N, C-alpha and C. Protein backbone atom coordinates (compact mmCIF):
# COMPACT_ATOMS: atom_id res chain seq x y z
N MET A 1 14.02 -5.15 18.11
CA MET A 1 12.64 -4.91 17.99
C MET A 1 12.42 -4.07 16.60
N ARG A 2 11.60 -4.63 15.63
CA ARG A 2 11.35 -4.01 14.38
C ARG A 2 9.77 -3.56 14.54
N ALA A 3 9.39 -2.34 14.29
CA ALA A 3 8.00 -1.86 14.46
C ALA A 3 7.66 -0.83 13.55
N ASP A 4 6.39 -0.60 13.22
CA ASP A 4 5.97 0.44 12.29
C ASP A 4 5.81 1.70 13.14
N GLY A 5 5.13 2.75 12.39
CA GLY A 5 5.06 4.03 13.06
C GLY A 5 4.01 4.03 14.18
N ALA A 6 3.21 3.21 14.40
CA ALA A 6 2.24 3.11 15.54
C ALA A 6 3.05 3.09 16.79
N PHE A 7 4.25 2.62 16.76
CA PHE A 7 5.26 2.51 17.87
C PHE A 7 6.10 3.66 18.17
N PHE A 8 6.01 4.76 17.23
CA PHE A 8 6.87 5.90 17.23
C PHE A 8 6.35 6.73 18.56
N ASP A 9 6.73 6.46 19.71
CA ASP A 9 6.41 7.08 20.92
C ASP A 9 7.49 7.08 21.82
N HIS A 10 7.75 8.23 22.55
CA HIS A 10 8.93 8.20 23.35
C HIS A 10 8.74 7.27 24.56
N LYS A 11 7.56 7.15 25.02
CA LYS A 11 7.30 6.26 26.12
C LYS A 11 7.66 4.76 25.83
N ILE A 12 7.25 4.45 24.70
CA ILE A 12 7.45 3.13 24.11
C ILE A 12 9.06 2.83 23.92
N ILE A 13 9.75 3.89 23.26
CA ILE A 13 11.22 3.83 23.12
C ILE A 13 11.93 3.75 24.47
N GLU A 14 11.48 4.59 25.39
CA GLU A 14 12.27 4.56 26.67
C GLU A 14 12.00 3.27 27.29
N PHE A 15 10.83 2.59 27.24
CA PHE A 15 10.58 1.31 27.94
C PHE A 15 11.52 0.27 27.25
N ILE A 16 11.73 0.32 26.03
CA ILE A 16 12.54 -0.54 25.29
C ILE A 16 14.02 -0.38 25.73
N GLU A 17 14.39 0.87 25.79
CA GLU A 17 15.81 1.08 26.27
C GLU A 17 16.00 0.74 27.68
N GLN A 18 15.08 0.84 28.67
CA GLN A 18 15.24 0.44 29.96
C GLN A 18 15.58 -1.05 30.07
N LYS A 19 14.94 -1.76 29.10
CA LYS A 19 15.07 -3.26 28.95
C LYS A 19 16.37 -3.62 28.39
N ARG A 20 17.18 -2.68 27.82
CA ARG A 20 18.41 -2.92 27.26
C ARG A 20 18.22 -3.63 26.06
N ALA A 21 17.13 -3.32 25.23
CA ALA A 21 16.87 -3.87 24.07
C ALA A 21 17.29 -3.11 23.01
N PHE A 22 17.34 -3.48 21.75
CA PHE A 22 17.47 -2.81 20.46
C PHE A 22 16.30 -2.61 19.62
N TYR A 23 16.13 -1.59 18.96
CA TYR A 23 14.92 -1.31 18.10
C TYR A 23 15.28 -0.54 16.81
N ALA A 24 14.47 -0.79 15.85
CA ALA A 24 14.38 0.04 14.61
C ALA A 24 12.86 0.35 14.32
N ILE A 25 12.50 1.55 14.48
CA ILE A 25 11.08 1.87 14.48
C ILE A 25 10.79 2.98 13.40
N VAL A 26 9.82 2.85 12.67
CA VAL A 26 9.45 3.75 11.64
C VAL A 26 9.09 5.10 12.30
N ALA A 27 9.70 6.24 11.86
CA ALA A 27 9.35 7.55 12.58
C ALA A 27 8.21 8.07 11.89
N ARG A 28 7.34 8.70 12.69
CA ARG A 28 6.09 9.54 12.13
C ARG A 28 6.65 10.72 11.63
N LEU A 29 6.29 11.01 10.33
CA LEU A 29 6.94 12.17 9.71
C LEU A 29 6.10 13.42 9.91
N THR A 30 6.45 14.08 11.03
CA THR A 30 5.96 15.33 11.47
C THR A 30 6.50 16.42 10.45
N ARG A 31 5.85 17.67 10.59
CA ARG A 31 6.42 18.68 9.75
C ARG A 31 7.90 18.94 10.19
N PRO A 32 8.29 19.13 11.38
CA PRO A 32 9.65 19.55 11.70
C PRO A 32 10.56 18.54 11.25
N LEU A 33 10.19 17.11 11.35
CA LEU A 33 11.06 16.07 10.65
C LEU A 33 11.25 16.16 9.20
N LYS A 34 10.04 16.39 8.47
CA LYS A 34 10.12 16.51 7.06
C LYS A 34 11.01 17.73 6.64
N ASN A 35 10.99 18.78 7.45
CA ASN A 35 11.73 19.96 7.04
C ASN A 35 13.31 19.74 7.13
N ARG A 36 13.70 18.61 7.85
CA ARG A 36 15.10 18.30 7.99
C ARG A 36 15.74 17.55 6.78
N LEU A 37 14.71 16.84 6.11
CA LEU A 37 15.19 15.87 4.98
C LEU A 37 16.01 16.58 3.87
N PRO A 38 15.50 17.66 3.34
CA PRO A 38 16.08 18.20 2.08
C PRO A 38 17.61 18.61 2.52
N GLY A 39 17.95 19.10 3.53
CA GLY A 39 19.14 19.64 3.97
C GLY A 39 20.26 18.71 4.35
N LEU A 40 19.91 17.36 4.49
CA LEU A 40 20.84 16.35 4.87
C LEU A 40 21.84 16.02 3.78
N ARG A 41 23.07 15.64 4.23
CA ARG A 41 24.06 15.09 3.25
C ARG A 41 23.80 13.52 3.04
N TYR A 42 23.37 13.26 1.78
CA TYR A 42 23.21 11.77 1.51
C TYR A 42 24.29 11.23 0.80
N HIS A 43 24.45 9.94 1.08
CA HIS A 43 25.57 9.14 0.39
C HIS A 43 24.94 7.85 -0.19
N ARG A 44 25.39 7.55 -1.46
CA ARG A 44 24.91 6.41 -2.12
C ARG A 44 25.42 5.14 -1.70
N VAL A 45 24.49 4.42 -1.11
CA VAL A 45 24.91 3.04 -0.31
C VAL A 45 24.56 1.86 -0.99
N SER A 46 23.78 1.93 -2.30
CA SER A 46 23.48 0.82 -3.01
C SER A 46 22.82 1.45 -4.28
N PRO A 47 22.83 0.72 -5.37
CA PRO A 47 22.26 1.14 -6.60
C PRO A 47 20.85 1.79 -6.34
N GLY A 48 20.72 3.01 -6.62
CA GLY A 48 19.33 3.64 -6.45
C GLY A 48 18.96 3.86 -5.07
N VAL A 49 19.86 3.76 -4.20
CA VAL A 49 19.60 3.94 -2.77
C VAL A 49 20.67 4.90 -2.14
N TRP A 50 20.15 6.10 -1.58
CA TRP A 50 20.96 6.92 -0.81
C TRP A 50 20.58 7.05 0.66
N ALA A 51 21.34 7.35 1.53
CA ALA A 51 21.18 7.28 2.93
C ALA A 51 21.87 8.50 3.64
N ALA A 52 21.21 8.95 4.93
CA ALA A 52 21.71 9.97 5.63
C ALA A 52 21.29 9.55 7.08
N GLU A 53 21.92 10.15 7.89
CA GLU A 53 21.60 10.02 9.41
C GLU A 53 21.94 11.31 10.17
N PHE A 54 21.06 11.39 11.21
CA PHE A 54 21.21 12.66 12.08
C PHE A 54 20.63 12.26 13.57
N TRP A 55 20.96 13.13 14.49
CA TRP A 55 20.41 13.15 15.72
C TRP A 55 19.45 14.05 15.99
N TYR A 56 18.19 13.82 16.49
CA TYR A 56 17.17 14.66 16.57
C TYR A 56 16.27 14.37 17.79
N CYS A 57 15.82 15.53 18.44
CA CYS A 57 14.81 15.43 19.66
C CYS A 57 13.42 15.84 19.23
N PRO A 58 12.52 14.91 18.93
CA PRO A 58 11.21 15.44 18.71
C PRO A 58 10.58 16.11 19.87
N GLN A 59 9.63 16.98 19.57
CA GLN A 59 8.94 17.67 20.60
C GLN A 59 8.42 16.92 21.63
N GLY A 60 8.68 17.14 22.92
CA GLY A 60 8.13 16.32 23.96
C GLY A 60 8.97 15.22 24.44
N TRP A 61 10.00 14.91 23.64
CA TRP A 61 10.89 13.79 24.03
C TRP A 61 11.89 14.37 24.93
N PRO A 62 12.48 13.34 25.87
CA PRO A 62 13.34 13.89 26.79
C PRO A 62 14.91 13.89 26.32
N GLY A 63 15.10 13.45 25.09
CA GLY A 63 16.48 13.58 24.66
C GLY A 63 16.59 13.21 23.04
N SER A 64 17.59 13.50 22.49
CA SER A 64 17.89 13.17 21.21
C SER A 64 18.02 11.54 20.89
N ARG A 65 17.68 11.27 19.65
CA ARG A 65 17.82 9.75 19.22
C ARG A 65 18.44 9.73 17.75
N ARG A 66 18.94 8.65 17.39
CA ARG A 66 19.57 8.53 16.13
C ARG A 66 18.54 8.32 15.04
N PHE A 67 18.42 9.07 13.99
CA PHE A 67 17.39 8.71 12.95
C PHE A 67 18.20 8.46 11.70
N ILE A 68 17.63 7.54 10.90
CA ILE A 68 18.22 7.06 9.62
C ILE A 68 17.20 7.43 8.54
N VAL A 69 17.80 8.04 7.35
CA VAL A 69 16.88 8.32 6.31
C VAL A 69 17.44 7.52 5.05
N ILE A 70 16.45 6.83 4.37
CA ILE A 70 16.65 6.24 3.12
C ILE A 70 15.90 6.94 2.03
N ARG A 71 16.59 7.35 0.99
CA ARG A 71 16.03 8.06 -0.10
C ARG A 71 16.20 7.25 -1.40
N ARG A 72 15.02 7.18 -2.07
CA ARG A 72 15.08 6.42 -3.36
C ARG A 72 14.16 7.23 -4.43
N PRO A 73 14.47 6.89 -5.68
CA PRO A 73 13.63 7.50 -6.83
C PRO A 73 12.18 7.16 -6.56
N VAL A 74 11.27 8.00 -6.88
CA VAL A 74 9.83 7.86 -6.72
C VAL A 74 9.23 6.67 -7.36
N PRO A 75 9.72 6.22 -8.72
CA PRO A 75 9.15 5.14 -9.44
C PRO A 75 9.17 3.86 -8.59
N GLU A 76 10.31 3.68 -7.74
CA GLU A 76 10.39 2.53 -6.86
C GLU A 76 9.52 2.78 -5.66
N GLU A 77 8.69 1.92 -5.36
CA GLU A 77 7.87 1.93 -4.17
C GLU A 77 7.93 0.82 -3.22
N PRO A 78 8.75 0.99 -2.20
CA PRO A 78 8.76 -0.08 -1.20
C PRO A 78 7.47 -0.21 -0.48
N SER A 79 7.47 -1.01 0.68
CA SER A 79 6.27 -1.36 1.43
C SER A 79 5.79 -0.04 2.07
N ALA A 80 4.34 0.01 1.98
CA ALA A 80 3.73 1.20 2.68
C ALA A 80 4.03 1.16 4.19
N GLN A 81 4.39 0.00 4.72
CA GLN A 81 4.67 -0.10 6.19
C GLN A 81 5.81 1.11 6.53
N LEU A 82 6.54 1.65 5.55
CA LEU A 82 7.54 2.49 5.99
C LEU A 82 6.94 3.96 6.00
N HIS A 83 5.97 4.18 5.74
CA HIS A 83 5.39 5.55 5.85
C HIS A 83 6.17 6.56 4.79
N LEU A 84 6.07 6.31 3.49
CA LEU A 84 6.78 6.96 2.61
C LEU A 84 6.33 8.48 2.48
N PHE A 85 7.43 9.27 2.26
CA PHE A 85 7.18 10.70 2.09
C PHE A 85 7.98 11.01 0.74
N GLN A 86 7.13 11.64 -0.27
CA GLN A 86 7.79 11.93 -1.45
C GLN A 86 8.03 13.38 -1.62
N MET A 87 9.13 13.66 -2.28
CA MET A 87 9.50 15.21 -2.33
C MET A 87 10.62 15.29 -3.31
N GLY A 88 10.59 16.14 -4.35
CA GLY A 88 11.64 16.39 -5.26
C GLY A 88 11.93 15.11 -6.13
N GLY A 89 11.11 14.37 -6.43
CA GLY A 89 11.38 13.13 -7.31
C GLY A 89 11.95 11.95 -6.47
N TYR A 90 11.90 12.07 -5.10
CA TYR A 90 12.40 10.99 -4.32
C TYR A 90 11.39 10.65 -3.29
N SER A 91 11.45 9.26 -2.79
CA SER A 91 10.65 8.94 -1.76
C SER A 91 11.61 8.76 -0.54
N TYR A 92 11.14 9.11 0.74
CA TYR A 92 11.93 9.04 1.95
C TYR A 92 11.36 8.20 2.84
N GLN A 93 12.25 7.40 3.54
CA GLN A 93 11.73 6.48 4.72
C GLN A 93 12.66 6.74 5.84
N VAL A 94 12.04 7.02 7.12
CA VAL A 94 12.89 7.43 8.07
C VAL A 94 12.68 6.32 9.33
N LEU A 95 13.78 6.01 10.04
CA LEU A 95 13.79 5.08 11.02
C LEU A 95 14.50 5.65 12.21
N VAL A 96 13.95 5.45 13.45
CA VAL A 96 14.72 5.80 14.63
C VAL A 96 15.22 4.53 15.31
N THR A 97 16.38 4.58 15.74
CA THR A 97 17.01 3.31 16.36
C THR A 97 18.09 3.69 17.30
N ASN A 98 18.51 2.62 18.10
CA ASN A 98 19.57 2.73 18.95
C ASN A 98 20.63 1.70 18.52
N LEU A 99 20.50 1.02 17.42
CA LEU A 99 21.49 0.16 16.86
C LEU A 99 22.61 0.80 16.21
N SER A 100 23.87 0.36 16.09
CA SER A 100 24.89 0.96 15.52
C SER A 100 25.20 0.55 14.11
N LEU A 101 24.19 -0.18 13.60
CA LEU A 101 24.34 -0.56 12.15
C LEU A 101 24.45 0.63 11.20
N THR A 102 25.02 0.30 10.09
CA THR A 102 25.09 1.42 9.01
C THR A 102 23.77 1.56 8.59
N PRO A 103 23.49 2.76 7.96
CA PRO A 103 22.11 3.03 7.48
C PRO A 103 21.70 1.93 6.48
N LEU A 104 22.44 1.48 5.63
CA LEU A 104 22.02 0.44 4.72
C LEU A 104 21.65 -0.92 5.36
N ASN A 105 22.55 -1.30 6.36
CA ASN A 105 22.23 -2.52 6.99
C ASN A 105 21.02 -2.44 7.92
N LEU A 106 20.87 -1.15 8.47
CA LEU A 106 19.72 -1.09 9.35
C LEU A 106 18.41 -1.15 8.54
N TRP A 107 18.39 -0.53 7.40
CA TRP A 107 17.33 -0.52 6.47
C TRP A 107 17.02 -2.11 5.99
N ARG A 108 18.10 -2.83 5.79
CA ARG A 108 17.84 -4.20 5.40
C ARG A 108 17.29 -5.01 6.62
N PHE A 109 17.83 -4.61 7.82
CA PHE A 109 17.33 -5.24 9.03
C PHE A 109 15.78 -5.04 9.26
N TYR A 110 15.43 -3.81 9.13
CA TYR A 110 13.98 -3.53 9.19
C TYR A 110 13.15 -4.23 8.22
N ASN A 111 13.64 -4.26 6.94
CA ASN A 111 12.88 -4.81 5.95
C ASN A 111 12.53 -6.38 6.13
N GLN A 112 13.31 -7.03 6.99
CA GLN A 112 13.20 -8.31 7.36
C GLN A 112 11.83 -8.66 8.11
N ARG A 113 11.28 -7.45 8.55
CA ARG A 113 10.02 -7.44 9.29
C ARG A 113 8.89 -8.12 8.41
N ALA A 114 9.18 -8.00 7.02
CA ALA A 114 8.07 -8.65 6.23
C ALA A 114 7.86 -10.14 6.41
N ARG A 115 8.91 -10.74 6.86
CA ARG A 115 8.71 -12.17 7.17
C ARG A 115 7.78 -12.46 8.25
N ALA A 116 7.69 -11.60 9.35
CA ALA A 116 6.74 -11.73 10.34
C ALA A 116 5.28 -11.57 9.78
N GLU A 117 5.16 -10.61 8.83
CA GLU A 117 3.92 -10.43 8.27
C GLU A 117 3.36 -11.73 7.56
N LEU A 118 4.28 -12.51 6.97
CA LEU A 118 3.90 -13.81 6.36
C LEU A 118 3.58 -14.77 7.31
N ILE A 119 4.31 -14.82 8.45
CA ILE A 119 3.93 -15.71 9.50
C ILE A 119 2.55 -15.44 10.05
N ILE A 120 2.22 -14.19 10.31
CA ILE A 120 0.87 -13.81 10.80
C ILE A 120 -0.19 -14.17 9.77
N ARG A 121 0.03 -13.97 8.55
CA ARG A 121 -0.85 -14.25 7.50
C ARG A 121 -1.12 -15.77 7.51
N GLU A 122 -0.07 -16.65 7.63
CA GLU A 122 -0.23 -18.03 7.61
C GLU A 122 -1.09 -18.46 8.82
N LEU A 123 -0.78 -17.87 9.98
CA LEU A 123 -1.50 -18.16 11.27
C LEU A 123 -2.98 -17.98 11.23
N LYS A 124 -3.31 -16.84 10.40
CA LYS A 124 -4.63 -16.40 10.36
C LYS A 124 -5.48 -17.19 9.30
N ASP A 125 -4.67 -17.60 8.09
CA ASP A 125 -5.39 -18.34 7.02
C ASP A 125 -5.46 -19.82 7.29
N ALA A 126 -4.26 -20.37 7.60
CA ALA A 126 -4.18 -21.83 7.66
C ALA A 126 -4.38 -22.59 9.06
N TYR A 127 -4.29 -21.69 10.06
CA TYR A 127 -4.38 -22.17 11.60
C TYR A 127 -5.65 -21.60 12.25
N ALA A 128 -6.44 -20.88 11.52
CA ALA A 128 -7.79 -20.34 12.10
C ALA A 128 -7.45 -19.45 13.14
N LEU A 129 -6.45 -18.65 13.13
CA LEU A 129 -6.28 -17.55 14.18
C LEU A 129 -6.82 -16.33 13.84
N GLY A 130 -7.46 -16.16 12.81
CA GLY A 130 -8.04 -14.88 12.52
C GLY A 130 -9.32 -14.50 13.16
N LYS A 131 -9.82 -15.32 13.92
CA LYS A 131 -11.12 -15.27 14.68
C LYS A 131 -11.01 -15.75 15.95
N ILE A 132 -11.51 -14.94 17.04
CA ILE A 132 -11.44 -15.40 18.30
C ILE A 132 -12.72 -16.22 18.59
N PRO A 133 -12.37 -17.43 19.14
CA PRO A 133 -13.42 -18.55 18.95
C PRO A 133 -14.60 -18.36 20.10
N THR A 134 -14.16 -17.82 21.16
CA THR A 134 -15.09 -17.72 22.40
C THR A 134 -15.17 -16.28 22.92
N LYS A 135 -16.05 -16.12 24.00
CA LYS A 135 -16.07 -14.82 24.70
C LYS A 135 -15.40 -15.06 26.11
N ASP A 136 -14.76 -16.20 26.22
CA ASP A 136 -14.09 -16.54 27.58
C ASP A 136 -12.61 -16.47 27.31
N PHE A 137 -11.93 -15.59 28.15
CA PHE A 137 -10.51 -15.24 27.91
C PHE A 137 -9.57 -16.45 28.18
N PRO A 138 -9.67 -17.36 29.24
CA PRO A 138 -8.97 -18.43 29.51
C PRO A 138 -9.14 -19.47 28.19
N ALA A 139 -10.34 -19.60 27.78
CA ALA A 139 -10.55 -20.39 26.69
C ALA A 139 -9.84 -19.94 25.41
N ASN A 140 -9.93 -18.78 25.25
CA ASN A 140 -9.19 -18.08 23.99
C ASN A 140 -7.72 -18.22 24.26
N GLU A 141 -7.18 -18.07 25.40
CA GLU A 141 -5.77 -18.17 25.58
C GLU A 141 -5.34 -19.67 25.30
N ALA A 142 -6.08 -20.67 25.77
CA ALA A 142 -5.74 -21.95 25.57
C ALA A 142 -5.83 -22.29 23.99
N PHE A 143 -6.78 -21.76 23.40
CA PHE A 143 -6.84 -21.90 21.84
C PHE A 143 -5.60 -21.35 21.17
N PHE A 144 -5.13 -20.06 21.55
CA PHE A 144 -3.99 -19.52 21.10
C PHE A 144 -2.80 -20.41 21.27
N GLN A 145 -2.56 -20.81 22.43
CA GLN A 145 -1.46 -21.63 22.78
C GLN A 145 -1.31 -22.97 22.02
N ILE A 146 -2.48 -23.57 21.72
CA ILE A 146 -2.63 -24.80 20.96
C ILE A 146 -2.26 -24.47 19.45
N VAL A 147 -2.69 -23.38 19.03
CA VAL A 147 -2.42 -22.98 17.62
C VAL A 147 -0.85 -22.76 17.40
N LEU A 148 -0.28 -22.18 18.39
CA LEU A 148 1.11 -21.91 18.37
C LEU A 148 1.91 -23.18 18.54
N LEU A 149 1.37 -24.03 19.34
CA LEU A 149 2.10 -25.38 19.56
C LEU A 149 2.03 -26.10 18.17
N ALA A 150 0.85 -26.10 17.52
CA ALA A 150 0.78 -26.76 16.19
C ALA A 150 1.76 -26.10 15.14
N TYR A 151 1.70 -24.93 15.15
CA TYR A 151 2.63 -24.12 14.25
C TYR A 151 4.10 -24.52 14.56
N ASN A 152 4.53 -24.66 15.81
CA ASN A 152 5.81 -24.97 16.18
C ASN A 152 6.17 -26.32 15.85
N LEU A 153 5.21 -27.28 16.07
CA LEU A 153 5.49 -28.68 15.74
C LEU A 153 5.57 -28.83 14.20
N LEU A 154 4.86 -28.17 13.35
CA LEU A 154 4.90 -28.22 11.92
C LEU A 154 6.33 -27.77 11.42
N ASN A 155 6.84 -26.66 12.16
CA ASN A 155 8.12 -26.11 11.68
C ASN A 155 9.22 -27.15 12.04
N TRP A 156 9.15 -27.77 13.20
CA TRP A 156 10.22 -28.79 13.52
C TRP A 156 10.01 -30.03 12.52
N PHE A 157 8.75 -30.29 12.23
CA PHE A 157 8.54 -31.38 11.10
C PHE A 157 9.28 -30.99 9.82
N LYS A 158 9.17 -29.74 9.45
CA LYS A 158 9.83 -29.28 8.14
C LYS A 158 11.28 -29.32 8.23
N ARG A 159 11.85 -28.94 9.36
CA ARG A 159 13.25 -28.92 9.48
C ARG A 159 13.83 -30.27 9.63
N LEU A 160 13.23 -31.10 10.30
CA LEU A 160 13.77 -32.55 10.53
C LEU A 160 13.28 -33.65 9.63
N CYS A 161 12.19 -33.47 9.06
CA CYS A 161 11.64 -34.50 8.22
C CYS A 161 11.33 -34.27 6.84
N ALA A 162 10.98 -33.15 6.48
CA ALA A 162 10.50 -32.88 5.10
C ALA A 162 11.79 -32.65 4.14
N PRO A 163 11.72 -32.95 2.94
CA PRO A 163 12.86 -32.69 1.86
C PRO A 163 13.12 -31.22 1.98
N ALA A 164 14.53 -30.94 1.65
CA ALA A 164 14.99 -29.71 1.71
C ALA A 164 14.26 -28.62 0.93
N HIS A 165 13.62 -28.94 -0.13
CA HIS A 165 12.83 -27.95 -0.89
C HIS A 165 11.50 -27.63 -0.37
N LEU A 166 11.12 -28.38 0.65
CA LEU A 166 9.86 -28.19 1.23
C LEU A 166 10.00 -27.56 2.66
N GLN A 167 11.11 -27.26 3.15
CA GLN A 167 11.43 -26.76 4.52
C GLN A 167 10.82 -25.36 4.63
N ARG A 168 10.35 -24.65 3.71
CA ARG A 168 9.81 -23.29 3.77
C ARG A 168 8.44 -23.45 3.34
N ALA A 169 7.86 -24.60 3.11
CA ALA A 169 6.57 -24.63 2.39
C ALA A 169 5.54 -24.23 3.41
N THR A 170 4.30 -23.80 3.04
CA THR A 170 3.27 -23.46 3.94
C THR A 170 2.44 -24.71 4.24
N LEU A 171 1.67 -24.66 5.19
CA LEU A 171 0.79 -25.67 5.63
C LEU A 171 -0.06 -26.31 4.51
N GLN A 172 -0.62 -25.40 3.71
CA GLN A 172 -1.49 -25.71 2.49
C GLN A 172 -0.59 -26.69 1.58
N ARG A 173 0.64 -26.17 1.29
CA ARG A 173 1.41 -26.87 0.30
C ARG A 173 1.79 -28.24 0.83
N LEU A 174 2.16 -28.34 2.19
CA LEU A 174 2.59 -29.62 2.84
C LEU A 174 1.28 -30.62 2.83
N ARG A 175 0.13 -30.04 3.05
CA ARG A 175 -1.07 -30.82 3.11
C ARG A 175 -1.24 -31.47 1.81
N GLN A 176 -1.04 -30.81 0.68
CA GLN A 176 -1.34 -31.19 -0.62
C GLN A 176 -0.32 -32.19 -1.06
N ARG A 177 1.10 -32.10 -0.68
CA ARG A 177 2.08 -33.01 -0.91
C ARG A 177 2.31 -34.17 -0.13
N LEU A 178 2.05 -34.04 1.25
CA LEU A 178 2.51 -35.15 2.08
C LEU A 178 1.49 -35.63 2.99
N PHE A 179 0.51 -34.86 3.34
CA PHE A 179 -0.61 -35.21 4.29
C PHE A 179 -1.77 -35.71 3.82
N VAL A 180 -2.34 -35.17 2.69
CA VAL A 180 -3.53 -35.62 2.11
C VAL A 180 -3.22 -36.38 0.95
N VAL A 181 -2.93 -37.75 0.97
CA VAL A 181 -2.34 -38.62 0.01
C VAL A 181 -3.30 -39.46 -0.65
N PRO A 182 -3.56 -39.45 -1.92
CA PRO A 182 -4.52 -40.38 -2.42
C PRO A 182 -4.15 -41.82 -2.39
N SER A 183 -4.95 -42.64 -1.91
CA SER A 183 -4.49 -44.16 -1.69
C SER A 183 -5.71 -45.03 -2.07
N GLN A 184 -5.20 -46.33 -2.25
CA GLN A 184 -6.27 -47.35 -2.58
C GLN A 184 -6.18 -48.50 -1.58
N LEU A 185 -7.40 -48.87 -1.23
CA LEU A 185 -7.51 -50.02 -0.22
C LEU A 185 -7.54 -51.25 -0.95
N VAL A 186 -6.67 -52.06 -0.85
CA VAL A 186 -6.57 -53.32 -1.74
C VAL A 186 -6.48 -54.49 -0.67
N ARG A 187 -6.71 -55.79 -1.10
CA ARG A 187 -6.64 -56.98 -0.44
C ARG A 187 -5.80 -58.08 -0.93
N PRO A 188 -4.48 -57.80 -1.03
CA PRO A 188 -3.71 -58.93 -1.52
C PRO A 188 -3.51 -60.13 -0.61
N GLY A 189 -3.97 -61.36 -1.02
CA GLY A 189 -4.04 -62.48 -0.09
C GLY A 189 -5.00 -62.40 1.05
N GLY A 190 -6.03 -61.44 0.69
CA GLY A 190 -7.09 -61.30 1.77
C GLY A 190 -6.78 -60.33 2.81
N VAL A 191 -5.48 -59.71 2.82
CA VAL A 191 -5.12 -58.69 3.89
C VAL A 191 -5.39 -57.25 3.42
N PRO A 192 -6.23 -56.57 4.27
CA PRO A 192 -6.44 -55.21 3.84
C PRO A 192 -5.14 -54.31 3.83
N THR A 193 -4.92 -53.74 2.76
CA THR A 193 -3.68 -52.93 2.71
C THR A 193 -3.80 -51.66 1.92
N LEU A 194 -3.41 -50.57 2.53
CA LEU A 194 -3.46 -49.14 1.82
C LEU A 194 -2.23 -48.94 1.09
N ARG A 195 -2.49 -48.64 -0.26
CA ARG A 195 -1.39 -48.35 -1.18
C ARG A 195 -1.61 -46.99 -1.73
N ILE A 196 -0.42 -46.26 -1.98
CA ILE A 196 -0.49 -44.99 -2.70
C ILE A 196 -1.00 -45.17 -4.05
N ALA A 197 -1.94 -44.41 -4.41
CA ALA A 197 -2.47 -44.43 -5.80
C ALA A 197 -1.44 -44.15 -6.77
N PRO A 198 -1.35 -44.82 -7.97
CA PRO A 198 -0.34 -44.74 -9.07
C PRO A 198 -0.46 -43.20 -9.51
N SER A 199 -1.56 -42.44 -9.37
CA SER A 199 -1.70 -41.12 -9.97
C SER A 199 -0.87 -40.03 -9.04
N TYR A 200 -0.52 -40.45 -7.96
CA TYR A 200 0.09 -39.50 -6.85
C TYR A 200 1.29 -38.92 -7.54
N PRO A 201 1.45 -37.68 -7.63
CA PRO A 201 2.63 -37.13 -8.46
C PRO A 201 3.82 -36.85 -7.41
N TYR A 202 3.66 -36.93 -6.13
CA TYR A 202 4.65 -36.51 -5.18
C TYR A 202 5.23 -37.92 -4.46
N PHE A 203 5.20 -38.94 -5.10
CA PHE A 203 5.66 -40.11 -4.44
C PHE A 203 7.13 -40.13 -4.07
N ALA A 204 8.10 -39.52 -4.74
CA ALA A 204 9.35 -39.58 -4.24
C ALA A 204 9.53 -38.65 -3.11
N GLU A 205 8.71 -37.51 -3.00
CA GLU A 205 8.87 -36.71 -1.80
C GLU A 205 8.24 -37.24 -0.53
N PHE A 206 7.21 -38.07 -0.84
CA PHE A 206 6.70 -38.88 0.31
C PHE A 206 7.64 -40.03 0.78
N LEU A 207 8.27 -40.63 -0.08
CA LEU A 207 9.30 -41.56 0.40
C LEU A 207 10.50 -41.02 0.97
N GLU A 208 11.02 -39.83 0.55
CA GLU A 208 12.06 -39.14 1.26
C GLU A 208 11.69 -38.72 2.62
N THR A 209 10.45 -38.25 2.76
CA THR A 209 10.07 -37.79 4.10
C THR A 209 9.96 -38.98 5.06
N ARG A 210 9.45 -40.13 4.51
CA ARG A 210 9.34 -41.28 5.36
C ARG A 210 10.72 -41.78 5.90
N ARG A 211 11.67 -41.70 4.87
CA ARG A 211 13.05 -42.12 5.19
C ARG A 211 13.51 -41.23 6.28
N ARG A 212 13.38 -39.98 6.20
CA ARG A 212 13.82 -38.98 7.21
C ARG A 212 13.23 -39.29 8.47
N ILE A 213 11.99 -39.55 8.48
CA ILE A 213 11.33 -39.80 9.81
C ILE A 213 12.00 -41.04 10.43
N ARG A 214 12.20 -42.11 9.67
CA ARG A 214 12.76 -43.41 10.14
C ARG A 214 14.11 -43.22 10.83
N ARG A 215 14.93 -42.32 10.05
CA ARG A 215 16.22 -41.95 10.42
C ARG A 215 16.17 -41.29 11.66
N LEU A 216 15.21 -40.26 11.93
CA LEU A 216 15.19 -39.42 13.11
C LEU A 216 14.74 -40.30 14.31
N ARG A 217 13.81 -41.31 14.06
CA ARG A 217 13.45 -42.21 15.09
C ARG A 217 14.51 -43.10 15.46
N SER A 218 15.38 -43.55 14.70
CA SER A 218 16.50 -44.34 14.94
C SER A 218 17.54 -43.57 15.71
N LEU A 219 17.74 -42.16 15.44
CA LEU A 219 18.68 -41.51 16.20
C LEU A 219 18.19 -41.24 17.58
N LEU A 220 16.94 -40.95 17.67
CA LEU A 220 16.38 -40.75 19.06
C LEU A 220 16.39 -42.04 19.87
N GLY A 221 16.16 -43.13 19.15
CA GLY A 221 16.22 -44.43 19.88
C GLY A 221 17.68 -44.89 20.46
N ASN A 222 18.69 -44.14 19.84
CA ASN A 222 20.08 -44.55 20.17
C ASN A 222 20.51 -43.54 21.32
N THR A 223 19.70 -42.43 21.68
CA THR A 223 20.17 -41.57 22.69
C THR A 223 19.56 -41.74 23.98
């Protein structure tokens, strides 16, 4: 579990530990915790990055936990999600964890949380999940499940059908390149036929997607 400082609570951490799960949570920088930072022994773990670790029991907690500190020069400003604390020309980021990763790898592991923020943003903007549609809980739950189903279906479509360079594309980009395709209705020999417009700039991508769909259907038909 990767979480910001809102989850820095011993009850939450004990619950996670009871489930035998792992976590990396941003520590809320109380005064006693800040006072420990200057006296730690820091080691350079990457260009411009120093790290330290220690065991500490915050007030009211039942026992000590492992804390990781990342120190960087002040001009470099990582995500505000890490609750930066500046002192003596450096910014400090503190994480509490039960993982055995090195400080550098733990820091990198936590920073992957930014991918979740991108997913949330896409669900809100492209899938209309930013607004609760009704005042009825079962209806809202059904709406939420339908949105997640659509999101998952689109991701399988990208993995199995879209060209490689579009497999991380957003819904808006896929809509522009593959779904909303300019076409012309013509009647060769009196037969109504829909043809892609000559001005369509993504014709090769469209054909590659169609080829991959046909190949997938053929594979599924043989199983």
